[in-house]
Amino acid sequence: MNVQAKTSLFAVWLWIGLVLLLPFAIVLKISFATAQLSVPPYGPPLTGANYAALVGDGLYVRAYLGSLRIALVSTALTLLLGYPMAYAIARAPVRWRQILLLLVVLPFWTSFLVRIYAWIGLLRPTGLINLVLESLGVIAEPLRLLNTDGAVYLGIVYAYLPFMVLPLYARLEKLDPALLEAAADLGARPWSTFLKITLPLSRPGVIAGCLLVFIPTVGEFVIPELLGGPDTLMIGKVLWTEFFTNRNWPMSAAVAVILLAVLVLPIMWFQAAQKEEARA
């Protein structure tokens, strides 16, 4: 390894240490501290009581399980909606692909909060959706669309759909059309061709897209807070409450550490799958 390569490698590890490892070490240390009425609001003695409380208190367990449930369902819905979109873009004429991709990422040009507040205007009892349904005679009174789990799923799918479409498109666009033509010549039906050729070859894009949606959704705070109801319990809201309302920094740090540990597992699985695919 030459000097230039060693210097580049050192710079990478230095950046990882400063941006990732050092902040995590600080948070990990705070998670073992004791909450105090001081500045900063924690101090010795170091103890594992915060982690014991996470396991023993049903609120935190329900928050973690609720976050995982909402993240899994949202990821599945995003995949079901994003896969056909990515497939259609990949099979569109070349001159249209850039325009279609631009339309997919176009919402990113608008503030995230503005887009979520727009859904509030659409879903509230006096919003556009209820007004249209009432004017058409479909409903007699406004539906409860806002402050429900359905609104949370809708907001998450809308916000994170591009993160699913883009990696799927990148994989499907590289798919050799000759494989599909050969399968058709051999008598394979379109659905069979999709299950045996298209879907297996697009598996890395599916995994990447699911991770890009699942990981940030687990810790999502803004969408459940604005679109969800009082029964929508996610770990992001619990963490915010512990940090800002209760000023219990050690407990919020412990919540963040456990959340990070939960998210590391799918990342490790993805890396193992990638290595296995490269080996095969």
Protein backbone atom coordinates (compact mmCIF):
# COMPACT_ATOMS: atom_id res chain seq x y z
CA MET A 1 0.00 0.00 0.00
CA ASN A 2 1.53 3.30 -1.10
CA VAL A 3 1.70 6.48 0.96
CA GLN A 4 -1.24 8.11 -0.83
CA ALA A 5 -3.51 5.14 -0.16
CA LYS A 6 -2.47 5.05 3.51
CA THR A 7 -3.16 8.78 3.84
CA SER A 8 -6.61 8.40 2.29
CA LEU A 9 -7.41 5.44 4.53
CA PHE A 10 -6.28 7.39 7.60
CA ALA A 11 -8.46 10.35 6.60
CA VAL A 12 -11.48 8.05 6.22
CA TRP A 13 -11.01 6.46 9.64
CA LEU A 14 -10.38 9.87 11.20
CA TRP A 15 -13.64 11.16 9.75
CA ILE A 16 -15.55 8.07 10.94
CA GLY A 17 -14.05 8.46 14.40
CA LEU A 18 -14.93 12.14 14.71
CA VAL A 19 -18.42 11.97 13.18
CA LEU A 20 -19.63 8.55 14.32
CA LEU A 21 -17.58 6.84 16.99
CA LEU A 22 -16.83 9.83 19.23
CA PRO A 23 -20.46 11.05 19.44
CA PHE A 24 -21.64 7.48 20.04
CA ALA A 25 -19.10 7.05 22.84
CA ILE A 26 -20.38 10.24 24.49
CA VAL A 27 -24.01 9.11 24.21
CA LEU A 28 -23.08 5.66 25.54
CA LYS A 29 -21.36 7.19 28.57
CA ILE A 30 -24.36 9.44 29.29
CA SER A 31 -26.68 6.42 29.10
CA PHE A 32 -24.96 4.93 32.16
CA ALA A 33 -25.09 8.20 34.14
CA THR A 34 -27.71 9.33 36.66
CA ALA A 35 -30.19 12.12 36.02
CA GLN A 36 -29.56 15.18 38.21
CA LEU A 37 -30.84 18.75 38.57
CA SER A 38 -27.63 20.31 37.36
CA VAL A 39 -25.90 21.57 34.25
CA PRO A 40 -25.51 19.27 32.41
CA PRO A 41 -28.49 17.32 33.85
CA TYR A 42 -26.57 14.12 34.57
CA GLY A 43 -23.68 12.91 36.62
CA PRO A 44 -22.24 10.03 38.61
CA PRO A 45 -22.69 7.39 39.79
CA LEU A 46 -22.57 5.29 36.64
CA THR A 47 -25.25 2.61 36.69
CA GLY A 48 -27.21 0.34 34.39
CA ALA A 49 -30.56 1.35 35.90
CA ASN A 50 -31.61 3.14 32.71
CA TYR A 51 -31.34 -0.04 30.66
CA ALA A 52 -33.15 -2.01 33.35
CA ALA A 53 -35.97 0.55 33.18
CA LEU A 54 -36.21 0.14 29.41
CA VAL A 55 -36.85 -3.58 29.83
CA GLY A 56 -39.08 -3.31 32.90
CA ASP A 57 -41.28 -0.39 31.84
CA GLY A 58 -44.03 -1.41 29.43
CA LEU A 59 -44.11 2.07 27.88
CA TYR A 60 -40.68 1.68 26.30
CA VAL A 61 -41.38 -1.88 25.17
CA ARG A 62 -44.63 -0.80 23.51
CA ALA A 63 -42.84 2.15 21.89
CA TYR A 64 -40.14 -0.07 20.40
CA LEU A 65 -42.68 -2.65 19.20
CA GLY A 66 -44.92 0.09 17.81
CA SER A 67 -42.00 1.63 15.94
CA LEU A 68 -41.02 -1.73 14.45
CA ARG A 69 -44.62 -2.48 13.46
CA ILE A 70 -45.15 0.87 11.76
CA ALA A 71 -41.73 0.70 10.07
CA LEU A 72 -42.33 -2.83 8.74
CA VAL A 73 -45.82 -2.08 7.43
CA SER A 74 -44.69 1.22 5.91
CA THR A 75 -41.71 -0.46 4.24
CA ALA A 76 -43.94 -3.18 2.79
CA LEU A 77 -46.43 -0.60 1.46
CA THR A 78 -43.61 1.50 0.00
CA LEU A 79 -42.18 -1.57 -1.72
CA LEU A 80 -45.56 -2.55 -3.18
CA LEU A 81 -46.00 0.94 -4.57
CA GLY A 82 -42.38 1.67 -5.48
CA TYR A 83 -41.54 -1.54 -7.35
CA PRO A 84 -44.07 -1.03 -10.17
CA MET A 85 -43.01 2.61 -10.45
CA ALA A 86 -39.33 1.70 -10.70
CA TYR A 87 -40.08 -1.08 -13.19
CA ALA A 88 -42.16 1.25 -15.36
CA ILE A 89 -39.43 3.90 -15.37
CA ALA A 90 -36.74 1.33 -16.20
CA ARG A 91 -38.80 0.05 -19.15
CA ALA A 92 -39.82 3.48 -20.40
CA PRO A 93 -38.16 4.98 -23.51
CA VAL A 94 -34.73 6.40 -22.74
CA ARG A 95 -35.80 9.97 -23.50
CA TRP A 96 -38.50 9.78 -20.81
CA ARG A 97 -36.51 8.17 -18.00
CA GLN A 98 -34.77 11.31 -16.78
CA ILE A 99 -38.07 13.21 -16.73
CA LEU A 100 -39.80 10.43 -14.79
CA LEU A 101 -36.95 10.25 -12.28
CA LEU A 102 -37.14 14.02 -11.89
CA LEU A 103 -40.83 13.71 -11.04
CA VAL A 104 -40.00 11.09 -8.40
CA VAL A 105 -37.49 13.34 -6.60
CA LEU A 106 -39.43 16.57 -7.24
CA PRO A 107 -41.05 16.57 -3.75
CA PHE A 108 -37.56 16.89 -2.23
CA TRP A 109 -37.45 20.42 -3.62
CA THR A 110 -40.10 21.39 -1.05
CA SER A 111 -39.60 21.53 2.70
CA PHE A 112 -40.38 18.26 4.49
CA LEU A 113 -42.53 20.05 7.09
CA VAL A 114 -44.50 21.91 4.43
CA ARG A 115 -45.35 18.64 2.69
CA ILE A 116 -46.52 17.01 5.92
CA TYR A 117 -48.59 20.06 6.86
CA ALA A 118 -50.16 19.84 3.41
CA TRP A 119 -51.42 16.36 4.29
CA ILE A 120 -52.98 17.80 7.44
CA GLY A 121 -54.95 20.17 5.24
CA LEU A 122 -56.07 17.28 3.05
CA LEU A 123 -56.99 14.81 5.82
CA ARG A 124 -58.65 17.01 8.45
CA PRO A 125 -62.47 16.86 8.82
CA THR A 126 -62.88 20.08 6.83
CA GLY A 127 -60.11 19.16 4.42
CA LEU A 128 -60.24 18.67 0.67
CA ILE A 129 -60.76 14.88 0.77
CA ASN A 130 -63.81 15.02 3.03
CA LEU A 131 -65.25 17.99 1.15
CA VAL A 132 -65.00 16.16 -2.18
CA LEU A 133 -66.54 12.96 -0.77
CA GLU A 134 -69.39 14.93 0.81
CA SER A 135 -70.05 16.89 -2.37
CA LEU A 136 -70.24 13.64 -4.35
CA GLY A 137 -72.65 12.15 -1.82
CA VAL A 138 -70.31 9.31 -0.90
CA ILE A 139 -70.37 10.15 2.82
CA ALA A 140 -72.92 11.94 5.00
CA GLU A 141 -70.45 13.21 7.59
CA PRO A 142 -66.67 13.77 7.59
CA LEU A 143 -64.46 10.71 7.98
CA ARG A 144 -61.80 10.58 10.67
CA LEU A 145 -58.74 10.47 8.47
CA LEU A 146 -56.32 12.60 10.49
CA ASN A 147 -54.67 11.46 13.75
CA THR A 148 -54.86 7.78 12.84
CA ASP A 149 -52.34 5.05 12.08
CA GLY A 150 -53.54 5.14 8.48
CA ALA A 151 -52.52 8.78 8.20
CA VAL A 152 -49.08 7.90 9.60
CA TYR A 153 -48.65 5.13 7.02
CA LEU A 154 -49.77 7.49 4.27
CA GLY A 155 -47.33 10.19 5.35
CA ILE A 156 -44.39 7.79 5.65
CA VAL A 157 -45.03 6.14 2.28
CA TYR A 158 -45.36 9.57 0.64
CA ALA A 159 -42.20 10.92 2.28
CA TYR A 160 -39.94 7.90 1.74
CA LEU A 161 -41.18 6.58 -1.61
CA PRO A 162 -38.22 8.05 -3.58
CA PHE A 163 -35.80 6.15 -1.32
CA MET A 164 -37.44 2.94 -2.52
CA VAL A 165 -37.82 3.83 -6.19
CA LEU A 166 -34.28 5.04 -6.87
CA PRO A 167 -32.29 1.91 -5.80
CA LEU A 168 -34.89 -0.32 -7.46
CA TYR A 169 -34.60 1.65 -10.69
CA ALA A 170 -30.81 1.49 -10.57
CA ARG A 171 -31.02 -2.31 -10.40
CA LEU A 172 -33.88 -2.85 -12.86
CA GLU A 173 -32.35 -0.52 -15.43
CA LYS A 174 -29.32 -2.83 -15.67
CA LEU A 175 -31.48 -5.91 -16.28
CA ASP A 176 -30.70 -7.43 -19.68
CA PRO A 177 -33.92 -7.52 -21.78
CA ALA A 178 -32.50 -10.53 -23.64
CA LEU A 179 -33.14 -12.66 -20.55
CA LEU A 180 -36.84 -11.82 -20.63
CA GLU A 181 -37.00 -12.45 -24.37
CA ALA A 182 -35.31 -15.83 -23.95
CA ALA A 183 -37.78 -16.80 -21.21
CA ALA A 184 -40.69 -15.81 -23.45
CA ASP A 185 -39.26 -17.81 -26.36
CA LEU A 186 -39.04 -20.85 -24.08
CA GLY A 187 -42.73 -20.54 -23.24
CA ALA A 188 -42.57 -18.85 -19.84
CA ARG A 189 -45.59 -16.77 -18.88
CA PRO A 190 -45.04 -13.10 -17.91
CA TRP A 191 -45.78 -13.74 -14.23
CA SER A 192 -43.43 -16.73 -14.16
CA THR A 193 -40.74 -14.68 -15.88
CA PHE A 194 -41.11 -11.97 -13.28
CA LEU A 195 -40.86 -14.39 -10.34
CA LYS A 196 -37.95 -16.41 -11.71
CA ILE A 197 -35.87 -13.75 -13.47
CA THR A 198 -36.80 -10.14 -12.74
CA LEU A 199 -37.46 -10.41 -9.03
CA PRO A 200 -34.33 -12.46 -8.13
CA LEU A 201 -32.06 -10.18 -10.18
CA SER A 202 -33.57 -7.09 -8.54
CA ARG A 203 -33.14 -8.49 -5.02
CA PRO A 204 -30.19 -6.20 -4.09
CA GLY A 205 -32.26 -3.17 -5.07
CA VAL A 206 -35.19 -4.45 -3.01
CA ILE A 207 -32.97 -4.93 0.05
CA ALA A 208 -31.31 -1.53 -0.34
CA GLY A 209 -34.64 0.23 -0.80
CA CYS A 210 -36.20 -1.52 2.19
CA LEU A 211 -33.28 -0.56 4.42
CA LEU A 212 -33.36 3.06 3.24
CA VAL A 213 -37.03 3.22 4.22
CA PHE A 214 -37.06 1.00 7.31
CA ILE A 215 -34.08 2.50 9.16
CA PRO A 216 -35.21 6.16 9.27
CA THR A 217 -38.86 5.17 9.77
CA VAL A 218 -38.11 3.36 13.04
CA GLY A 219 -36.92 6.59 14.63
CA GLU A 220 -39.40 8.87 12.83
CA PHE A 221 -40.81 11.67 14.99
CA VAL A 222 -42.31 14.41 12.80
CA ILE A 223 -44.84 12.32 10.84
CA PRO A 224 -46.31 10.43 13.84
CA GLU A 225 -46.42 13.67 15.85
CA LEU A 226 -48.30 15.62 13.16
CA LEU A 227 -50.44 12.94 11.52
CA GLY A 228 -50.76 10.34 14.28
CA GLY A 229 -53.13 10.20 17.21
CA PRO A 230 -52.61 9.78 20.95
CA ASP A 231 -52.44 6.00 20.49
CA THR A 232 -49.63 6.25 17.94
CA LEU A 233 -46.64 5.42 20.12
CA MET A 234 -43.21 5.41 18.53
CA ILE A 235 -39.77 5.49 20.08
CA GLY A 236 -38.87 8.80 18.43
CA LYS A 237 -41.60 10.59 20.38
CA VAL A 238 -40.55 8.86 23.61
CA LEU A 239 -36.95 9.93 23.06
CA TRP A 240 -38.02 13.54 22.41
CA THR A 241 -40.15 13.56 25.57
CA GLU A 242 -37.38 12.18 27.76
CA PHE A 243 -34.83 14.66 26.40
CA PHE A 244 -36.79 17.91 26.15
CA THR A 245 -39.77 17.54 28.51
CA ASN A 246 -38.41 15.35 31.32
CA ARG A 247 -34.81 16.50 30.79
CA ASN A 248 -33.73 12.96 31.56
CA TRP A 249 -30.65 12.82 29.37
CA PRO A 250 -29.37 9.44 30.64
CA MET A 251 -32.68 7.72 29.86
CA SER A 252 -32.95 9.35 26.42
CA ALA A 253 -29.35 8.31 25.70
CA ALA A 254 -30.18 4.72 26.68
CA VAL A 255 -33.21 4.80 24.38
CA ALA A 256 -31.00 6.03 21.53
CA VAL A 257 -28.35 3.36 22.15
CA ILE A 258 -30.90 0.54 22.09
CA LEU A 259 -32.47 2.03 18.97
CA LEU A 260 -29.08 2.07 17.27
CA ALA A 261 -28.49 -1.55 18.28
CA VAL A 262 -31.84 -2.52 16.75
CA LEU A 263 -30.96 -0.77 13.49
CA VAL A 264 -27.49 -2.27 13.24
CA LEU A 265 -28.93 -5.79 12.86
CA PRO A 266 -30.57 -5.25 9.43
CA ILE A 267 -27.45 -3.42 8.22
CA MET A 268 -25.28 -6.39 9.20
CA TRP A 269 -27.72 -8.73 7.49
CA PHE A 270 -27.58 -6.64 4.31
CA GLN A 271 -23.78 -6.68 4.31
CA ALA A 272 -23.77 -10.46 4.80
CA ALA A 273 -26.24 -10.86 1.93
CA GLN A 274 -24.08 -8.68 -0.31
CA LYS A 275 -20.98 -10.72 0.49
CA GLU A 276 -22.85 -13.94 -0.18
CA GLU A 277 -24.07 -12.64 -3.53
CA ALA A 278 -20.58 -11.49 -4.52
CA ARG A 279 -19.17 -14.88 -3.52
CA ALA A 280 -21.84 -16.68 -5.58
